[in-house]
Amino acid sequence: MSEEPEELPESDTPPEPADDLVTTSHTLRTSDGELAYTAAAGRIVLRHEKHTDGTFEGHRPHAEVFVTAYTLDGADPATRPVTVAFNGGPGSSSVWLHLGLLGPRRVVMGDAGALTAPPWGLADNAETLLAHSDLLFIDPVSTGYSRAVAGGKPADFHGYTPDVESIGEVIRLWVTRNLRWGSPKYLAAESYGTLRAAALAEHLQDRHGMYLNGLMLISSVLDMGTIRFTEGNDQPYPLFLPTYAAIAHFHGRAGERALPEVLADAEDFAAGEYPWALARGHRLPDADRDRVLARLAGLTGLSAGYLHRVRLRPEHQRFFRELLREEGRTVGRIDGRFTGWEDDDAGEGLSYDPSIAAITGPYTAALHTHVRGTLGYESDLPYEILTSRVHPWSYKEFEGRGVSVVGRLSAAMRANPHLRVHVACGYHDGATPYFAAESVLARLPIPDELRANVEVRYYEAGHMMYVHEPSRVQQSADLAAFLGDG
């Protein structure tokens, strides 16, 4: 009688992770001719140097980060630019810039007031930035298909400094492995990603000696104090006012004036009398208060009575709920051109953002179609488009002070006077208002000689201004021109 084979105990050690990039070839027709390009999609393993009691113990894997790269076939890497792109959140994948603006394929979903029905569409992007630069899209850990390694702690990546360091390491690895140290290098970032990009510019210089040619900051926030409505901080109220005025104008609540006239009026008030009135508090005379209320009502589309009750301070969530209350509608935070409904019409804030709701489905469907169907990368993990799993997000480095990277950006520019900055703003963006971005840029502590390195472009849309077709086409041209000037 033969003996049963002895069962070996299962190992508690997870298998060593490995890169799993899939490479495919494609062509794209643009107005300037046909582009032949190579795509590489998959996860690359991040490792960190392990030291114990002064002893080096090797490079240990600690995360697998999903990237998608597009490189033009036959181009000279010595002169061909590389643009590294990511979105924000924190908790957002790079899908928005990837399939909304920069990549060789784009979402077709309609726009505010004219959305198409599921399952939406995916089309070639004739205006892709790939015509001018190779592209690398990065999903931070816990977004997209990016994860901490088995046995690792995702929370180790969920904070300001580890986020900058991990994304910086992805960039260093990709640039080194693909022999691109000699290429002009740019970062394209959106929302919280702009805060990350500004910090990365200094980090890459100081840690790796990698000097960038430019930053493309889309829906920029470099100082969180300009957009956070916290007790004792009156700064956001004037900085949001021109955006409120733009949204009110779009919905017919600002009279018959043209948008540029409305914005000029709002900016003038926000830069002068309005912050003065807020600073006066209860010392503001009745006559001055009534004059301020009347002007504020005319700009925001809110009633003077409501503005009096909130003490001249319409917080943004309240504004999104109040503007169209009589119509039983709310307006979007990410893009105030979009509208939605709540379960009743008496609430203070939004239970959901109708502009996020409008774009999440189309972008999610397009991502899965493109990555698995076109790029050939297969994974049964859920692709985390926009996740709350990164929270709580750690800002421990800023304990006792505001979250700002203004100093880091200006330090990077002073050390690298060739670093250029492009800032894109949507007039209807209720998350990162354009007037707040202008305020921060005006206070950058850089010498006058470097002021010309910063340019700002504006679009009649919201946070993801490229969902508005005329804005998408113009923005694509503006980014191509920015690269061309480098």
Protein backbone atom coordinates (compact mmCIF):
# COMPACT_ATOMS: atom_id res chain seq x y z
CA MET A 1 0.00 0.00 0.00
CA SER A 2 1.50 3.31 -1.08
CA GLU A 3 1.75 6.18 1.34
CA GLU A 4 -0.17 9.38 0.77
CA PRO A 5 2.18 12.23 -0.30
CA GLU A 6 2.99 14.53 2.57
CA GLU A 7 1.22 17.89 2.32
CA LEU A 8 3.61 20.77 2.55
CA PRO A 9 2.56 23.66 4.77
CA GLU A 10 1.39 26.75 2.96
CA SER A 11 3.86 29.62 3.08
CA ASP A 12 2.81 32.74 4.91
CA THR A 13 5.05 34.75 2.59
CA PRO A 14 3.17 36.27 -0.35
CA PRO A 15 4.75 35.82 -3.77
CA GLU A 16 7.20 38.48 -4.87
CA PRO A 17 5.28 41.04 -6.98
CA ALA A 18 6.48 41.75 -10.51
CA ASP A 19 5.80 44.34 -13.19
CA ASP A 20 3.01 43.26 -15.54
CA LEU A 21 3.09 45.85 -18.31
CA VAL A 22 1.33 44.99 -21.58
CA THR A 23 2.63 46.65 -24.76
CA THR A 24 0.49 47.29 -27.85
CA SER A 25 0.83 49.26 -31.10
CA HIS A 26 -1.69 51.76 -32.48
CA THR A 27 -2.28 54.49 -35.05
CA LEU A 28 -4.27 57.71 -34.80
CA ARG A 29 -5.26 60.15 -37.50
CA THR A 30 -4.98 63.86 -36.66
CA SER A 31 -5.30 67.04 -38.71
CA ASP A 32 -1.51 66.98 -39.14
CA GLY A 33 -1.34 63.38 -40.31
CA GLU A 34 -1.22 59.88 -38.87
CA LEU A 35 0.47 59.11 -35.56
CA ALA A 36 1.94 55.67 -34.94
CA TYR A 37 2.45 55.06 -31.23
CA THR A 38 3.11 52.38 -28.64
CA ALA A 39 1.08 51.98 -25.47
CA ALA A 40 2.26 50.25 -22.30
CA ALA A 41 -0.28 49.65 -19.54
CA GLY A 42 0.15 47.79 -16.28
CA ARG A 43 1.50 47.87 -12.76
CA ILE A 44 5.09 48.57 -11.83
CA VAL A 45 6.51 47.58 -8.47
CA LEU A 46 7.77 50.30 -6.15
CA ARG A 47 10.51 49.31 -3.74
CA HIS A 48 12.04 51.08 -0.78
CA GLU A 49 15.44 50.73 0.82
CA LYS A 50 15.19 48.80 4.07
CA HIS A 51 17.63 49.66 6.87
CA THR A 52 17.64 48.12 10.35
CA ASP A 53 20.06 49.30 13.02
CA GLY A 54 22.25 50.88 10.37
CA THR A 55 22.31 47.73 8.22
CA PHE A 56 21.06 47.82 4.62
CA GLU A 57 18.67 44.90 4.05
CA GLY A 58 17.82 45.43 0.39
CA HIS A 59 15.03 46.91 -1.69
CA ARG A 60 11.67 45.71 -0.43
CA PRO A 61 8.50 45.93 -2.56
CA HIS A 62 5.83 48.10 -0.99
CA ALA A 63 3.39 49.07 -3.75
CA GLU A 64 2.22 48.16 -7.24
CA VAL A 65 1.32 51.29 -9.20
CA PHE A 66 -0.77 51.27 -12.37
CA VAL A 67 0.53 53.41 -15.21
CA THR A 68 -0.36 53.95 -18.85
CA ALA A 69 2.32 55.28 -21.18
CA TYR A 70 2.04 56.40 -24.79
CA THR A 71 5.20 56.96 -26.84
CA LEU A 72 5.42 58.12 -30.44
CA ASP A 73 7.10 55.58 -32.70
CA GLY A 74 10.36 56.69 -34.31
CA ALA A 75 10.73 59.88 -32.25
CA ASP A 76 14.09 61.00 -30.88
CA PRO A 77 13.98 60.66 -27.06
CA ALA A 78 16.67 63.32 -26.76
CA THR A 79 14.28 65.99 -28.03
CA ARG A 80 10.83 64.45 -27.58
CA PRO A 81 9.07 65.87 -24.48
CA VAL A 82 7.52 63.64 -21.82
CA THR A 83 4.41 64.75 -19.92
CA VAL A 84 3.55 62.94 -16.68
CA ALA A 85 -0.13 63.32 -15.79
CA PHE A 86 -2.30 62.61 -12.75
CA ASN A 87 -5.49 63.89 -11.17
CA GLY A 88 -6.24 64.79 -7.59
CA GLY A 89 -8.83 64.05 -4.96
CA PRO A 90 -7.00 62.88 -2.91
CA GLY A 91 -8.42 59.58 -4.06
CA SER A 92 -8.76 60.17 -7.79
CA SER A 93 -7.32 58.03 -10.54
CA SER A 94 -5.87 59.66 -13.65
CA VAL A 95 -8.87 58.72 -15.81
CA TRP A 96 -10.13 62.30 -16.21
CA LEU A 97 -7.04 63.77 -17.85
CA HIS A 98 -6.33 60.46 -19.58
CA LEU A 99 -9.66 60.07 -21.37
CA GLY A 100 -10.98 63.62 -21.17
CA LEU A 101 -8.17 65.76 -22.51
CA LEU A 102 -4.66 64.44 -23.06
CA GLY A 103 -4.74 60.83 -24.24
CA PRO A 104 -5.20 59.45 -27.77
CA ARG A 105 -8.76 58.32 -26.97
CA ARG A 106 -11.50 60.40 -25.35
CA VAL A 107 -14.95 60.07 -23.82
CA VAL A 108 -18.03 61.09 -25.80
CA MET A 109 -20.83 61.92 -23.34
CA GLY A 110 -22.42 65.24 -24.26
CA ASP A 111 -22.40 68.22 -21.91
CA ALA A 112 -24.50 70.06 -19.36
CA GLY A 113 -28.12 70.08 -20.49
CA ALA A 114 -27.41 67.68 -23.37
CA LEU A 115 -25.98 64.50 -21.82
CA THR A 116 -26.15 61.33 -23.88
CA ALA A 117 -27.57 58.08 -22.47
CA PRO A 118 -25.56 55.04 -21.39
CA PRO A 119 -23.41 53.31 -22.58
CA TRP A 120 -21.87 56.52 -24.01
CA GLY A 121 -18.95 56.47 -26.42
CA LEU A 122 -15.19 56.43 -26.89
CA ALA A 123 -13.55 58.13 -29.87
CA ASP A 124 -10.12 58.94 -31.21
CA ASN A 125 -8.80 62.21 -29.83
CA ALA A 126 -7.45 64.13 -32.80
CA GLU A 127 -6.32 66.92 -30.43
CA THR A 128 -4.32 64.59 -28.17
CA LEU A 129 -1.20 66.00 -26.54
CA LEU A 130 0.57 62.88 -27.83
CA ALA A 131 1.07 64.82 -31.05
CA HIS A 132 3.48 67.03 -29.11
CA SER A 133 4.69 64.93 -26.17
CA ASP A 134 4.93 61.36 -24.97
CA LEU A 135 2.50 60.73 -22.10
CA LEU A 136 2.68 58.86 -18.79
CA PHE A 137 -0.48 58.59 -16.66
CA ILE A 138 -0.09 57.55 -13.01
CA ASP A 139 -2.73 56.30 -10.59
CA PRO A 140 -1.63 56.95 -6.97
CA VAL A 141 -1.75 54.04 -4.51
CA SER A 142 -5.33 52.89 -3.73
CA THR A 143 -6.69 54.54 -6.90
CA GLY A 144 -7.19 52.87 -10.27
CA TYR A 145 -5.52 49.45 -10.13
CA SER A 146 -2.74 50.70 -7.82
CA ARG A 147 -2.43 48.96 -4.46
CA ALA A 148 -0.04 48.44 -1.60
CA VAL A 149 1.67 45.02 -1.84
CA ALA A 150 0.13 42.04 -0.07
CA GLY A 151 0.83 42.48 3.61
CA GLY A 152 1.50 46.19 3.19
CA LYS A 153 -0.41 49.05 4.72
CA PRO A 154 -2.29 51.29 2.25
CA ALA A 155 -2.44 54.04 4.87
CA ASP A 156 1.34 54.38 4.59
CA PHE A 157 0.71 56.09 1.23
CA HIS A 158 -2.34 58.16 2.20
CA GLY A 159 -0.76 61.47 3.07
CA TYR A 160 0.96 64.52 1.67
CA THR A 161 4.61 63.45 1.96
CA PRO A 162 4.33 59.72 1.15
CA ASP A 163 2.14 60.60 -1.83
CA VAL A 164 4.74 63.01 -3.22
CA GLU A 165 7.54 60.53 -2.59
CA SER A 166 5.78 57.55 -4.17
CA ILE A 167 4.72 59.45 -7.29
CA GLY A 168 8.23 60.89 -7.52
CA GLU A 169 9.66 57.37 -7.41
CA VAL A 170 7.34 56.22 -10.22
CA ILE A 171 8.54 59.13 -12.34
CA ARG A 172 12.20 58.41 -11.58
CA LEU A 173 11.80 54.73 -12.43
CA TRP A 174 9.98 55.34 -15.70
CA VAL A 175 12.36 58.06 -16.87
CA THR A 176 15.40 55.95 -16.00
CA ARG A 177 14.16 52.68 -17.50
CA ASN A 178 13.06 54.37 -20.71
CA LEU A 179 16.26 56.42 -21.17
CA ARG A 180 14.40 59.73 -20.91
CA TRP A 181 16.67 61.75 -18.63
CA GLY A 182 17.63 63.81 -21.67
CA SER A 183 14.02 64.56 -22.66
CA PRO A 184 12.20 67.80 -21.78
CA LYS A 185 9.94 66.88 -18.87
CA TYR A 186 6.55 68.27 -17.83
CA LEU A 187 3.92 67.50 -15.21
CA ALA A 188 0.21 67.86 -16.02
CA ALA A 189 -2.02 67.80 -12.95
CA GLU A 190 -5.56 68.60 -11.94
CA SER A 191 -7.13 69.74 -8.64
CA TYR A 192 -5.28 68.27 -5.62
CA GLY A 193 -2.88 66.96 -8.24
CA THR A 194 -1.71 70.55 -8.76
CA LEU A 195 -0.71 70.76 -5.10
CA ARG A 196 1.11 67.43 -5.58
CA ALA A 197 2.78 68.68 -8.80
CA ALA A 198 4.08 71.86 -7.21
CA ALA A 199 5.61 69.85 -4.36
CA LEU A 200 6.98 67.31 -6.84
CA ALA A 201 8.79 70.00 -8.80
CA GLU A 202 10.92 70.76 -5.74
CA HIS A 203 11.10 67.12 -4.60
CA LEU A 204 12.37 65.84 -7.95
CA GLN A 205 15.02 68.57 -8.02
CA ASP A 206 16.19 68.09 -4.45
CA ARG A 207 15.94 64.31 -4.16
CA HIS A 208 16.82 63.11 -7.67
CA GLY A 209 18.38 66.09 -9.44
CA MET A 210 15.56 65.96 -12.00
CA TYR A 211 14.76 69.46 -13.25
CA LEU A 212 11.46 69.98 -15.03
CA ASN A 213 10.67 72.22 -17.97
CA GLY A 214 7.11 72.98 -17.02
CA LEU A 215 4.00 72.42 -14.94
CA MET A 216 0.48 72.33 -16.37
CA LEU A 217 -1.80 73.09 -13.42
CA ILE A 218 -5.44 72.48 -14.30
CA SER A 219 -8.04 73.73 -11.81
CA SER A 220 -5.27 74.72 -9.48
CA VAL A 221 -5.17 74.78 -5.67
CA LEU A 222 -1.79 75.55 -4.12
CA ASP A 223 -3.03 77.01 -0.83
CA MET A 224 -5.90 75.11 0.78
CA GLY A 225 -6.76 78.09 2.95
CA THR A 226 -8.13 79.86 -0.13
CA ILE A 227 -10.88 77.25 -0.65
CA ARG A 228 -11.69 75.95 2.83
CA PHE A 229 -14.60 77.59 4.62
CA THR A 230 -13.39 77.20 8.19
CA GLU A 231 -14.21 79.20 11.30
CA GLY A 232 -12.38 82.51 11.39
CA ASN A 233 -11.23 82.26 7.77
CA ASP A 234 -13.04 84.83 5.63
CA GLN A 235 -10.60 84.47 2.75
CA PRO A 236 -12.70 82.07 0.62
CA TYR A 237 -15.83 84.24 0.49
CA PRO A 238 -14.40 86.95 -1.79
CA LEU A 239 -12.35 84.40 -3.75
CA PHE A 240 -15.47 82.33 -4.57
CA LEU A 241 -17.59 85.36 -5.44
CA PRO A 242 -16.66 85.67 -9.15
CA THR A 243 -17.40 81.95 -9.57
CA TYR A 244 -20.79 82.39 -7.91
CA ALA A 245 -21.42 85.25 -10.32
CA ALA A 246 -20.45 83.12 -13.33
CA ILE A 247 -22.75 80.29 -12.24
CA ALA A 248 -25.60 82.72 -11.52
CA HIS A 249 -25.07 84.26 -14.96
CA PHE A 250 -25.17 80.83 -16.66
CA HIS A 251 -28.54 80.10 -15.02
CA GLY A 252 -30.02 83.49 -15.88
CA ARG A 253 -29.73 85.00 -12.40
CA ALA A 254 -27.39 87.90 -13.19
CA GLY A 255 -29.39 90.06 -15.56
CA GLU A 256 -28.70 90.58 -19.25
CA ARG A 257 -25.03 91.49 -19.00
CA ALA A 258 -22.36 89.52 -20.84
CA LEU A 259 -20.18 87.17 -18.78
CA PRO A 260 -16.99 89.28 -19.02
CA GLU A 261 -18.87 92.29 -17.64
CA VAL A 262 -20.33 90.24 -14.78
CA LEU A 263 -16.92 88.81 -13.90
CA ALA A 264 -15.22 92.22 -13.99
CA ASP A 265 -17.88 93.59 -11.62
CA ALA A 266 -17.54 90.61 -9.27
CA GLU A 267 -13.75 90.78 -9.24
CA ASP A 268 -13.81 94.49 -8.45
CA PHE A 269 -16.19 93.94 -5.53
CA ALA A 270 -14.27 90.86 -4.31
CA ALA A 271 -10.98 92.73 -4.33
CA GLY A 272 -12.21 95.79 -2.44
CA GLU A 273 -15.45 96.55 -0.67
CA TYR A 274 -16.56 92.97 0.03
CA PRO A 275 -13.55 91.83 2.13
CA TRP A 276 -13.58 95.23 3.81
CA ALA A 277 -17.22 94.71 4.83
CA LEU A 278 -16.54 91.20 6.12
CA ALA A 279 -13.64 92.46 8.21
CA ARG A 280 -15.85 95.15 9.79
CA GLY A 281 -18.21 92.56 11.28
CA HIS A 282 -20.84 94.11 13.58
CA ARG A 283 -19.08 97.48 13.21
CA LEU A 284 -20.41 97.79 9.65
CA PRO A 285 -22.95 100.67 9.55
CA ASP A 286 -26.46 99.80 8.39
CA ALA A 287 -26.20 101.92 5.25
CA ASP A 288 -22.96 100.20 4.22
CA ARG A 289 -24.44 96.79 5.02
CA ASP A 290 -27.50 97.45 2.86
CA ARG A 291 -25.33 98.62 -0.04
CA VAL A 292 -23.12 95.54 0.22
CA LEU A 293 -26.16 93.26 0.45
CA ALA A 294 -27.68 94.77 -2.68
CA ARG A 295 -24.49 94.37 -4.70
CA LEU A 296 -23.87 90.86 -3.39
CA ALA A 297 -27.43 89.85 -4.28
CA GLY A 298 -27.06 91.25 -7.80
CA LEU A 299 -23.88 89.26 -8.37
CA THR A 300 -24.81 85.93 -6.78
CA GLY A 301 -28.47 85.68 -7.72
CA LEU A 302 -29.32 85.08 -4.04
CA SER A 303 -31.84 87.22 -2.22
CA ALA A 304 -30.70 90.07 0.01
CA GLY A 305 -32.74 88.52 2.82
CA TYR A 306 -30.89 85.22 2.54
CA LEU A 307 -27.52 86.98 2.39
CA HIS A 308 -28.43 88.99 5.48
CA ARG A 309 -29.32 85.80 7.35
CA VAL A 310 -25.92 84.22 6.52
CA ARG A 311 -24.18 87.47 7.55
CA LEU A 312 -22.89 88.24 4.06
CA ARG A 313 -21.16 84.85 3.95
CA PRO A 314 -22.73 82.37 1.48
CA GLU A 315 -20.68 79.17 1.96
CA HIS A 316 -20.25 77.29 -1.31
CA GLN A 317 -22.37 74.22 -0.47
CA ARG A 318 -25.14 76.55 0.63
CA PHE A 319 -24.85 78.50 -2.61
CA PHE A 320 -25.14 75.34 -4.73
CA ARG A 321 -28.36 74.48 -2.88
CA GLU A 322 -29.85 77.98 -2.67
CA LEU A 323 -29.38 79.43 -6.17
CA LEU A 324 -32.14 77.42 -7.91
CA ARG A 325 -34.11 76.39 -4.81
CA GLU A 326 -37.37 77.90 -6.07
CA GLU A 327 -37.08 75.71 -9.18
CA GLY A 328 -36.44 72.60 -7.09
CA ARG A 329 -32.91 72.30 -8.52
CA THR A 330 -29.35 72.23 -7.22
CA VAL A 331 -26.19 73.20 -9.11
CA GLY A 332 -22.96 71.26 -9.33
CA ARG A 333 -19.85 71.95 -7.28
CA ILE A 334 -17.30 70.63 -9.78
CA ASP A 335 -19.15 72.35 -12.60
CA GLY A 336 -21.94 74.83 -11.79
CA ARG A 337 -23.46 74.48 -15.27
CA PHE A 338 -24.88 71.08 -14.29
CA THR A 339 -28.07 70.77 -12.24
CA GLY A 340 -29.68 68.07 -10.14
CA TRP A 341 -32.41 67.31 -7.60
CA GLU A 342 -32.60 66.51 -3.89
CA ASP A 343 -35.26 64.55 -2.03
CA ASP A 344 -36.66 67.80 -0.69
CA ASP A 345 -36.06 71.49 -1.37
CA ALA A 346 -35.31 72.71 2.13
CA GLY A 347 -31.83 71.36 2.83
CA GLU A 348 -28.62 73.31 3.45
CA GLY A 349 -26.12 71.41 1.33
CA LEU A 350 -25.78 68.82 -1.43
CA SER A 351 -26.20 65.09 -0.80
CA TYR A 352 -24.45 64.51 -4.13
CA ASP A 353 -22.74 66.62 -6.78
CA PRO A 354 -24.78 66.49 -10.00
CA SER A 355 -21.72 67.37 -12.08
CA ILE A 356 -19.74 64.42 -10.65
CA ALA A 357 -22.75 62.17 -11.15
CA ALA A 358 -22.93 63.22 -14.80
CA ILE A 359 -19.34 62.29 -15.65
CA THR A 360 -18.58 59.27 -13.45
CA GLY A 361 -20.53 56.74 -15.51
CA PRO A 362 -19.15 57.74 -18.93
CA TYR A 363 -15.55 57.87 -17.75
CA THR A 364 -15.76 54.56 -15.89
CA ALA A 365 -17.25 52.75 -18.89
CA ALA A 366 -14.67 54.30 -21.21
CA LEU A 367 -11.77 53.35 -18.95
CA HIS A 368 -12.71 49.67 -18.84
CA THR A 369 -13.39 49.57 -22.58
CA HIS A 370 -10.08 51.21 -23.38
CA VAL A 371 -7.72 49.51 -20.92
CA ARG A 372 -8.94 45.93 -21.35
CA GLY A 373 -10.33 46.14 -24.88
CA THR A 374 -7.76 48.37 -26.60
CA LEU A 375 -4.64 48.19 -24.45
CA GLY A 376 -5.02 44.51 -23.54
CA TYR A 377 -4.43 44.87 -19.81
CA GLU A 378 -6.59 42.50 -17.74
CA SER A 379 -7.31 42.72 -14.03
CA ASP A 380 -10.23 41.59 -11.90
CA LEU A 381 -9.54 44.30 -9.34
CA PRO A 382 -12.09 47.11 -9.25
CA TYR A 383 -10.67 50.16 -10.96
CA GLU A 384 -11.06 52.87 -8.33
CA ILE A 385 -12.11 55.91 -10.35
CA LEU A 386 -12.64 58.21 -7.36
CA THR A 387 -12.36 56.52 -3.98
CA SER A 388 -12.83 57.50 -0.34
CA ARG A 389 -10.52 54.67 0.74
CA VAL A 390 -7.56 57.06 1.00
CA HIS A 391 -9.22 58.93 3.88
CA PRO A 392 -8.32 60.05 6.41
CA TRP A 393 -5.59 61.79 4.39
CA SER A 394 -2.65 62.88 6.52
CA TYR A 395 -1.40 66.46 6.54
CA LYS A 396 0.72 65.96 9.64
CA GLU A 397 3.52 68.03 8.09
CA PHE A 398 1.26 71.10 8.34
CA GLU A 399 0.18 70.73 11.94
CA GLY A 400 -0.59 74.15 13.36
CA ARG A 401 -0.52 75.90 9.98
CA GLY A 402 -2.32 75.94 6.66
CA VAL A 403 -1.74 73.43 3.89
CA SER A 404 0.17 75.30 1.19
CA VAL A 405 2.85 74.49 -1.39
CA VAL A 406 3.39 78.09 -2.46
CA GLY A 407 6.81 78.07 -0.83
CA ARG A 408 7.83 74.82 -2.50
CA LEU A 409 6.77 75.97 -5.95
CA SER A 410 8.54 79.30 -5.63
CA ALA A 411 11.68 77.55 -4.31
CA ALA A 412 11.65 75.23 -7.33
CA MET A 413 11.27 78.19 -9.69
CA ARG A 414 14.06 80.16 -8.06
CA ALA A 415 16.42 77.17 -8.23
CA ASN A 416 15.34 76.36 -11.79
CA PRO A 417 14.60 79.65 -13.58
CA HIS A 418 13.62 77.72 -16.72
CA LEU A 419 10.64 76.13 -14.98
CA ARG A 420 7.48 77.45 -16.62
CA VAL A 421 3.95 77.21 -15.20
CA HIS A 422 0.68 77.04 -17.13
CA VAL A 423 -2.52 77.45 -15.08
CA ALA A 424 -5.93 76.53 -16.53
CA CYS A 425 -9.09 77.87 -14.86
CA GLY A 426 -12.78 77.19 -15.42
CA TYR A 427 -15.12 80.08 -14.69
CA HIS A 428 -17.83 77.69 -13.42
CA ASP A 429 -15.53 75.65 -11.17
CA GLY A 430 -16.99 75.70 -7.65
CA ALA A 431 -14.25 73.48 -6.20
CA THR A 432 -11.08 75.44 -7.08
CA PRO A 433 -12.29 78.91 -8.09
CA TYR A 434 -10.26 80.86 -10.62
CA PHE A 435 -10.03 84.03 -8.50
CA ALA A 436 -8.40 82.00 -5.71
CA ALA A 437 -5.81 80.69 -8.16
CA GLU A 438 -5.11 84.24 -9.30
CA SER A 439 -4.70 85.38 -5.71
CA VAL A 440 -2.15 82.66 -4.98
CA LEU A 441 -0.16 83.29 -8.15
CA ALA A 442 -0.02 87.01 -7.39
CA ARG A 443 1.65 86.20 -4.06
CA LEU A 444 4.25 83.75 -5.32
CA PRO A 445 7.56 84.85 -3.74
CA ILE A 446 9.57 84.84 -6.95
CA PRO A 447 11.64 87.65 -8.49
CA ASP A 448 10.03 89.86 -11.11
CA GLU A 449 12.27 88.28 -13.74
CA LEU A 450 10.36 85.00 -13.33
CA ARG A 451 6.81 86.42 -13.47
CA ALA A 452 6.75 85.87 -17.23
CA ASN A 453 7.24 82.12 -16.59
CA VAL A 454 3.63 81.91 -15.37
CA GLU A 455 0.66 82.00 -17.75
CA VAL A 456 -3.08 81.64 -17.03
CA ARG A 457 -5.81 80.53 -19.44
CA TYR A 458 -9.58 80.64 -18.82
CA TYR A 459 -12.51 78.54 -20.07
CA GLU A 460 -16.30 78.87 -19.90
CA ALA A 461 -16.75 75.56 -18.13
CA GLY A 462 -15.95 73.99 -14.77
CA HIS A 463 -13.34 71.94 -12.95
CA MET A 464 -13.04 69.42 -15.80
CA MET A 465 -13.39 72.17 -18.36
CA TYR A 466 -12.73 69.70 -21.19
CA VAL A 467 -16.24 68.18 -20.85
CA HIS A 468 -17.32 71.37 -22.66
CA GLU A 469 -16.36 70.73 -26.29
CA PRO A 470 -15.27 74.28 -27.25
CA SER A 471 -13.19 74.45 -24.07
CA ARG A 472 -11.61 71.05 -24.78
CA VAL A 473 -10.52 72.06 -28.25
CA GLN A 474 -9.16 75.42 -27.05
CA GLN A 475 -7.43 73.89 -24.04
CA SER A 476 -5.74 71.27 -26.20
CA ALA A 477 -4.39 74.04 -28.40
CA ASP A 478 -3.25 76.04 -25.38
CA LEU A 479 -1.32 73.11 -23.92
CA ALA A 480 0.28 72.35 -27.28
CA ALA A 481 1.36 75.99 -27.49
CA PHE A 482 2.79 75.83 -23.96
CA LEU A 483 4.89 72.82 -24.93
CA GLY A 484 5.91 74.50 -28.15
CA ASP A 485 7.25 77.50 -26.27
CA GLY A 486 9.46 75.31 -24.07
